[in-house]
């Protein structure tokens, strides 16, 4: 089982993945790790690194804030993005 992730800014959709195994996000109440079958959640995001872990390694996106919604293994992120960068595991 895997997560589907969609990261959207005010300008465009910057990332759509359907095989994510784990996500680490800078939530407003602290860092959250999201795994498949996570309960439904809506939270605001602080500035920081959102890291996605998939079969090809990890990918990081630097956020300036935003919102995250999880429903049935679908993760939607509405965010102000500062930059995208690749991270090696």
N, C-alpha and C. Protein backbone atom coordinates (compact mmCIF):
# COMPACT_ATOMS: atom_id res chain seq x y z
N UNK A 1 0.84 -1.18 0.00
CA UNK A 1 0.00 0.00 0.00
C UNK A 1 0.89 1.24 0.00
N UNK A 2 0.45 2.29 -0.71
CA UNK A 2 1.24 3.51 -0.81
C UNK A 2 0.32 4.73 -0.73
N UNK A 3 0.95 5.87 -0.55
CA UNK A 3 0.23 7.14 -0.50
C UNK A 3 0.29 7.83 -1.86
N UNK A 4 -0.78 8.53 -2.20
CA UNK A 4 -0.78 9.41 -3.37
C UNK A 4 -0.61 10.83 -2.84
N UNK A 5 0.31 11.58 -3.43
CA UNK A 5 0.62 12.92 -2.95
C UNK A 5 0.49 13.92 -4.08
N UNK A 6 -0.15 15.05 -3.78
CA UNK A 6 -0.27 16.14 -4.72
C UNK A 6 0.12 17.43 -3.98
N UNK A 7 1.15 18.11 -4.47
CA UNK A 7 1.58 19.38 -3.87
C UNK A 7 1.25 20.49 -4.86
N UNK A 8 0.45 21.45 -4.39
CA UNK A 8 -0.05 22.52 -5.24
C UNK A 8 0.33 23.87 -4.63
N UNK A 9 0.77 24.80 -5.48
CA UNK A 9 1.01 26.18 -5.07
C UNK A 9 -0.09 27.05 -5.68
N UNK A 10 -0.05 28.33 -5.43
CA UNK A 10 -1.03 29.24 -6.02
C UNK A 10 -0.89 29.28 -7.54
N UNK A 11 0.32 29.00 -8.04
CA UNK A 11 0.59 29.09 -9.47
C UNK A 11 0.32 27.79 -10.24
N UNK A 12 0.65 26.64 -9.61
CA UNK A 12 0.58 25.38 -10.36
C UNK A 12 0.70 24.17 -9.44
N UNK A 13 0.42 23.00 -10.00
CA UNK A 13 0.70 21.74 -9.31
C UNK A 13 2.17 21.42 -9.56
N UNK A 14 2.95 21.26 -8.49
CA UNK A 14 4.39 21.04 -8.68
C UNK A 14 4.82 19.59 -8.53
N UNK A 15 3.96 18.76 -7.92
CA UNK A 15 4.37 17.38 -7.72
C UNK A 15 3.14 16.49 -7.56
N UNK A 16 3.12 15.37 -8.32
CA UNK A 16 2.08 14.36 -8.19
C UNK A 16 2.76 13.01 -8.19
N UNK A 17 2.65 12.29 -7.07
CA UNK A 17 3.25 10.97 -6.95
C UNK A 17 2.21 10.00 -6.42
N UNK A 18 2.30 8.74 -6.84
CA UNK A 18 1.33 7.75 -6.37
C UNK A 18 1.97 6.57 -5.65
N UNK A 19 3.27 6.62 -5.41
CA UNK A 19 3.97 5.49 -4.80
C UNK A 19 4.81 5.90 -3.59
N UNK A 20 4.32 6.83 -2.80
CA UNK A 20 5.05 7.33 -1.63
C UNK A 20 4.82 6.41 -0.44
N UNK A 21 5.89 6.02 0.23
CA UNK A 21 5.81 5.12 1.38
C UNK A 21 5.75 5.85 2.71
N UNK A 22 6.31 7.08 2.75
CA UNK A 22 6.35 7.84 4.00
C UNK A 22 6.53 9.31 3.67
N UNK A 23 5.91 10.18 4.46
CA UNK A 23 6.07 11.63 4.31
C UNK A 23 6.35 12.20 5.69
N UNK A 24 7.31 13.11 5.76
CA UNK A 24 7.59 13.84 7.01
C UNK A 24 7.32 15.31 6.72
N UNK A 25 6.42 15.92 7.52
CA UNK A 25 6.00 17.30 7.27
C UNK A 25 6.18 18.17 8.51
N UNK A 26 6.45 19.48 8.28
CA UNK A 26 6.56 20.42 9.41
C UNK A 26 5.19 20.99 9.77
N UNK A 27 4.39 20.26 10.53
CA UNK A 27 3.06 20.73 10.92
C UNK A 27 3.19 21.85 11.95
N UNK A 28 2.15 22.61 12.12
CA UNK A 28 2.20 23.74 13.04
C UNK A 28 2.38 23.30 14.49
N UNK A 29 1.98 22.07 14.83
CA UNK A 29 2.15 21.55 16.20
C UNK A 29 3.40 20.70 16.36
N UNK A 30 4.23 20.62 15.33
CA UNK A 30 5.44 19.81 15.36
C UNK A 30 5.52 18.91 14.15
N UNK A 31 6.64 18.23 14.02
CA UNK A 31 6.88 17.37 12.85
C UNK A 31 5.97 16.14 12.91
N UNK A 32 5.37 15.79 11.76
CA UNK A 32 4.48 14.63 11.66
C UNK A 32 5.02 13.68 10.60
N UNK A 33 4.99 12.39 10.90
CA UNK A 33 5.31 11.36 9.92
C UNK A 33 4.00 10.71 9.48
N UNK A 34 3.81 10.63 8.18
CA UNK A 34 2.58 10.07 7.62
C UNK A 34 2.93 8.78 6.89
N UNK A 35 2.24 7.71 7.25
CA UNK A 35 2.41 6.40 6.63
C UNK A 35 1.09 5.99 5.98
N UNK A 36 1.10 5.00 5.08
CA UNK A 36 -0.16 4.51 4.51
C UNK A 36 -1.15 4.11 5.61
N UNK A 37 -2.43 4.29 5.34
CA UNK A 37 -3.54 4.01 6.27
C UNK A 37 -3.61 5.01 7.43
N UNK A 38 -2.99 6.17 7.27
CA UNK A 38 -3.07 7.22 8.29
C UNK A 38 -4.52 7.68 8.41
N UNK A 39 -4.91 8.04 9.60
CA UNK A 39 -6.27 8.55 9.81
C UNK A 39 -6.46 9.87 9.06
N UNK A 40 -7.70 10.23 8.78
CA UNK A 40 -7.99 11.51 8.11
C UNK A 40 -7.47 12.65 8.97
N UNK A 41 -6.91 13.67 8.30
CA UNK A 41 -6.28 14.77 9.03
C UNK A 41 -6.30 16.02 8.18
N UNK A 42 -6.48 17.16 8.83
CA UNK A 42 -6.33 18.47 8.20
C UNK A 42 -5.51 19.29 9.17
N UNK A 43 -4.37 19.85 8.70
CA UNK A 43 -3.50 20.62 9.58
C UNK A 43 -2.82 21.74 8.80
N UNK A 44 -2.41 22.76 9.51
CA UNK A 44 -1.62 23.81 8.88
C UNK A 44 -0.14 23.43 8.96
N UNK A 45 0.64 23.94 8.02
CA UNK A 45 2.06 23.63 7.94
C UNK A 45 2.89 24.88 8.25
N UNK A 46 3.99 24.68 8.95
CA UNK A 46 4.96 25.74 9.21
C UNK A 46 6.01 25.73 8.11
N UNK A 47 6.86 26.71 8.12
CA UNK A 47 8.01 26.72 7.21
C UNK A 47 8.93 25.57 7.58
N UNK A 48 9.52 24.90 6.58
CA UNK A 48 10.43 23.80 6.83
C UNK A 48 10.46 22.83 5.66
N UNK A 49 11.10 21.70 5.88
CA UNK A 49 11.28 20.68 4.85
C UNK A 49 10.17 19.63 4.90
N UNK A 50 9.52 19.41 3.76
CA UNK A 50 8.61 18.29 3.58
C UNK A 50 9.42 17.25 2.82
N UNK A 51 9.53 16.04 3.37
CA UNK A 51 10.33 14.99 2.74
C UNK A 51 9.44 13.81 2.39
N UNK A 52 9.54 13.38 1.13
CA UNK A 52 8.78 12.25 0.60
C UNK A 52 9.73 11.08 0.39
N UNK A 53 9.35 9.90 0.87
CA UNK A 53 10.17 8.70 0.70
C UNK A 53 9.43 7.71 -0.20
N UNK A 54 10.05 7.36 -1.30
CA UNK A 54 9.46 6.42 -2.25
C UNK A 54 10.45 5.37 -2.68
N UNK A 55 10.10 4.56 -3.67
CA UNK A 55 10.97 3.48 -4.12
C UNK A 55 12.28 3.98 -4.75
N UNK A 56 12.30 5.22 -5.23
CA UNK A 56 13.50 5.78 -5.85
C UNK A 56 14.31 6.64 -4.91
N UNK A 57 14.03 6.60 -3.62
CA UNK A 57 14.77 7.41 -2.65
C UNK A 57 13.89 8.50 -2.07
N UNK A 58 14.53 9.56 -1.59
CA UNK A 58 13.81 10.65 -0.93
C UNK A 58 13.88 11.92 -1.75
N UNK A 59 12.84 12.71 -1.65
CA UNK A 59 12.77 13.99 -2.33
C UNK A 59 12.29 15.01 -1.30
N UNK A 60 12.90 16.19 -1.31
CA UNK A 60 12.57 17.21 -0.33
C UNK A 60 12.04 18.46 -1.01
N UNK A 61 11.07 19.09 -0.36
CA UNK A 61 10.52 20.36 -0.81
C UNK A 61 10.56 21.31 0.38
N UNK A 62 11.13 22.50 0.19
CA UNK A 62 11.17 23.50 1.26
C UNK A 62 9.90 24.34 1.20
N UNK A 63 9.15 24.32 2.29
CA UNK A 63 7.88 25.03 2.36
C UNK A 63 8.03 26.33 3.15
N UNK A 64 7.21 27.31 2.79
CA UNK A 64 7.13 28.55 3.56
C UNK A 64 5.86 28.55 4.40
N UNK A 65 5.11 27.45 4.39
CA UNK A 65 3.86 27.33 5.12
C UNK A 65 2.79 26.76 4.21
N UNK A 66 1.61 26.51 4.76
CA UNK A 66 0.51 26.00 3.95
C UNK A 66 -0.42 25.12 4.75
N UNK A 67 -1.10 24.21 4.04
CA UNK A 67 -2.07 23.30 4.65
C UNK A 67 -1.90 21.90 4.08
N UNK A 68 -2.25 20.89 4.88
CA UNK A 68 -2.16 19.49 4.46
C UNK A 68 -3.47 18.80 4.80
N UNK A 69 -3.95 17.97 3.87
CA UNK A 69 -5.16 17.18 4.07
C UNK A 69 -4.86 15.73 3.71
N UNK A 70 -5.31 14.81 4.56
CA UNK A 70 -5.18 13.37 4.29
C UNK A 70 -6.57 12.76 4.33
N UNK A 71 -6.94 12.06 3.25
CA UNK A 71 -8.20 11.32 3.18
C UNK A 71 -7.95 10.06 2.36
N UNK A 72 -8.15 8.89 2.95
CA UNK A 72 -8.03 7.59 2.26
C UNK A 72 -6.72 7.47 1.48
N UNK A 73 -5.58 7.66 2.13
CA UNK A 73 -4.25 7.53 1.53
C UNK A 73 -3.97 8.54 0.42
N UNK A 74 -4.77 9.59 0.33
CA UNK A 74 -4.50 10.69 -0.59
C UNK A 74 -4.10 11.90 0.23
N UNK A 75 -2.91 12.42 -0.05
CA UNK A 75 -2.37 13.56 0.68
C UNK A 75 -2.32 14.76 -0.26
N UNK A 76 -3.02 15.82 0.12
CA UNK A 76 -3.02 17.06 -0.66
C UNK A 76 -2.34 18.14 0.16
N UNK A 77 -1.37 18.80 -0.45
CA UNK A 77 -0.64 19.88 0.21
C UNK A 77 -0.86 21.15 -0.60
N UNK A 78 -1.40 22.17 0.06
CA UNK A 78 -1.55 23.49 -0.53
C UNK A 78 -0.51 24.35 0.16
N UNK A 79 0.50 24.79 -0.59
CA UNK A 79 1.64 25.39 0.08
C UNK A 79 2.30 26.50 -0.70
N UNK A 80 3.01 27.33 0.03
CA UNK A 80 3.96 28.27 -0.54
C UNK A 80 5.29 27.52 -0.55
N UNK A 81 5.83 27.27 -1.74
CA UNK A 81 7.06 26.48 -1.87
C UNK A 81 8.23 27.39 -2.13
N UNK A 82 9.32 27.18 -1.38
CA UNK A 82 10.52 27.96 -1.58
C UNK A 82 11.42 27.34 -2.64
N UNK A 83 11.65 26.02 -2.56
CA UNK A 83 12.47 25.34 -3.55
C UNK A 83 12.30 23.82 -3.43
N UNK A 84 12.62 23.12 -4.51
CA UNK A 84 12.61 21.67 -4.52
C UNK A 84 14.04 21.19 -4.66
N UNK A 85 14.39 20.09 -4.01
CA UNK A 85 15.73 19.55 -4.13
C UNK A 85 15.70 18.05 -3.91
N UNK A 86 16.63 17.36 -4.50
CA UNK A 86 16.73 15.92 -4.33
C UNK A 86 17.59 15.60 -3.11
N UNK A 87 17.22 14.57 -2.40
CA UNK A 87 17.99 14.10 -1.24
C UNK A 87 18.33 12.65 -1.48
N UNK A 88 19.53 12.25 -1.21
CA UNK A 88 19.88 10.83 -1.34
C UNK A 88 19.73 10.15 0.01
N UNK A 89 19.34 8.88 -0.01
CA UNK A 89 19.17 8.14 1.25
C UNK A 89 20.48 7.52 1.66
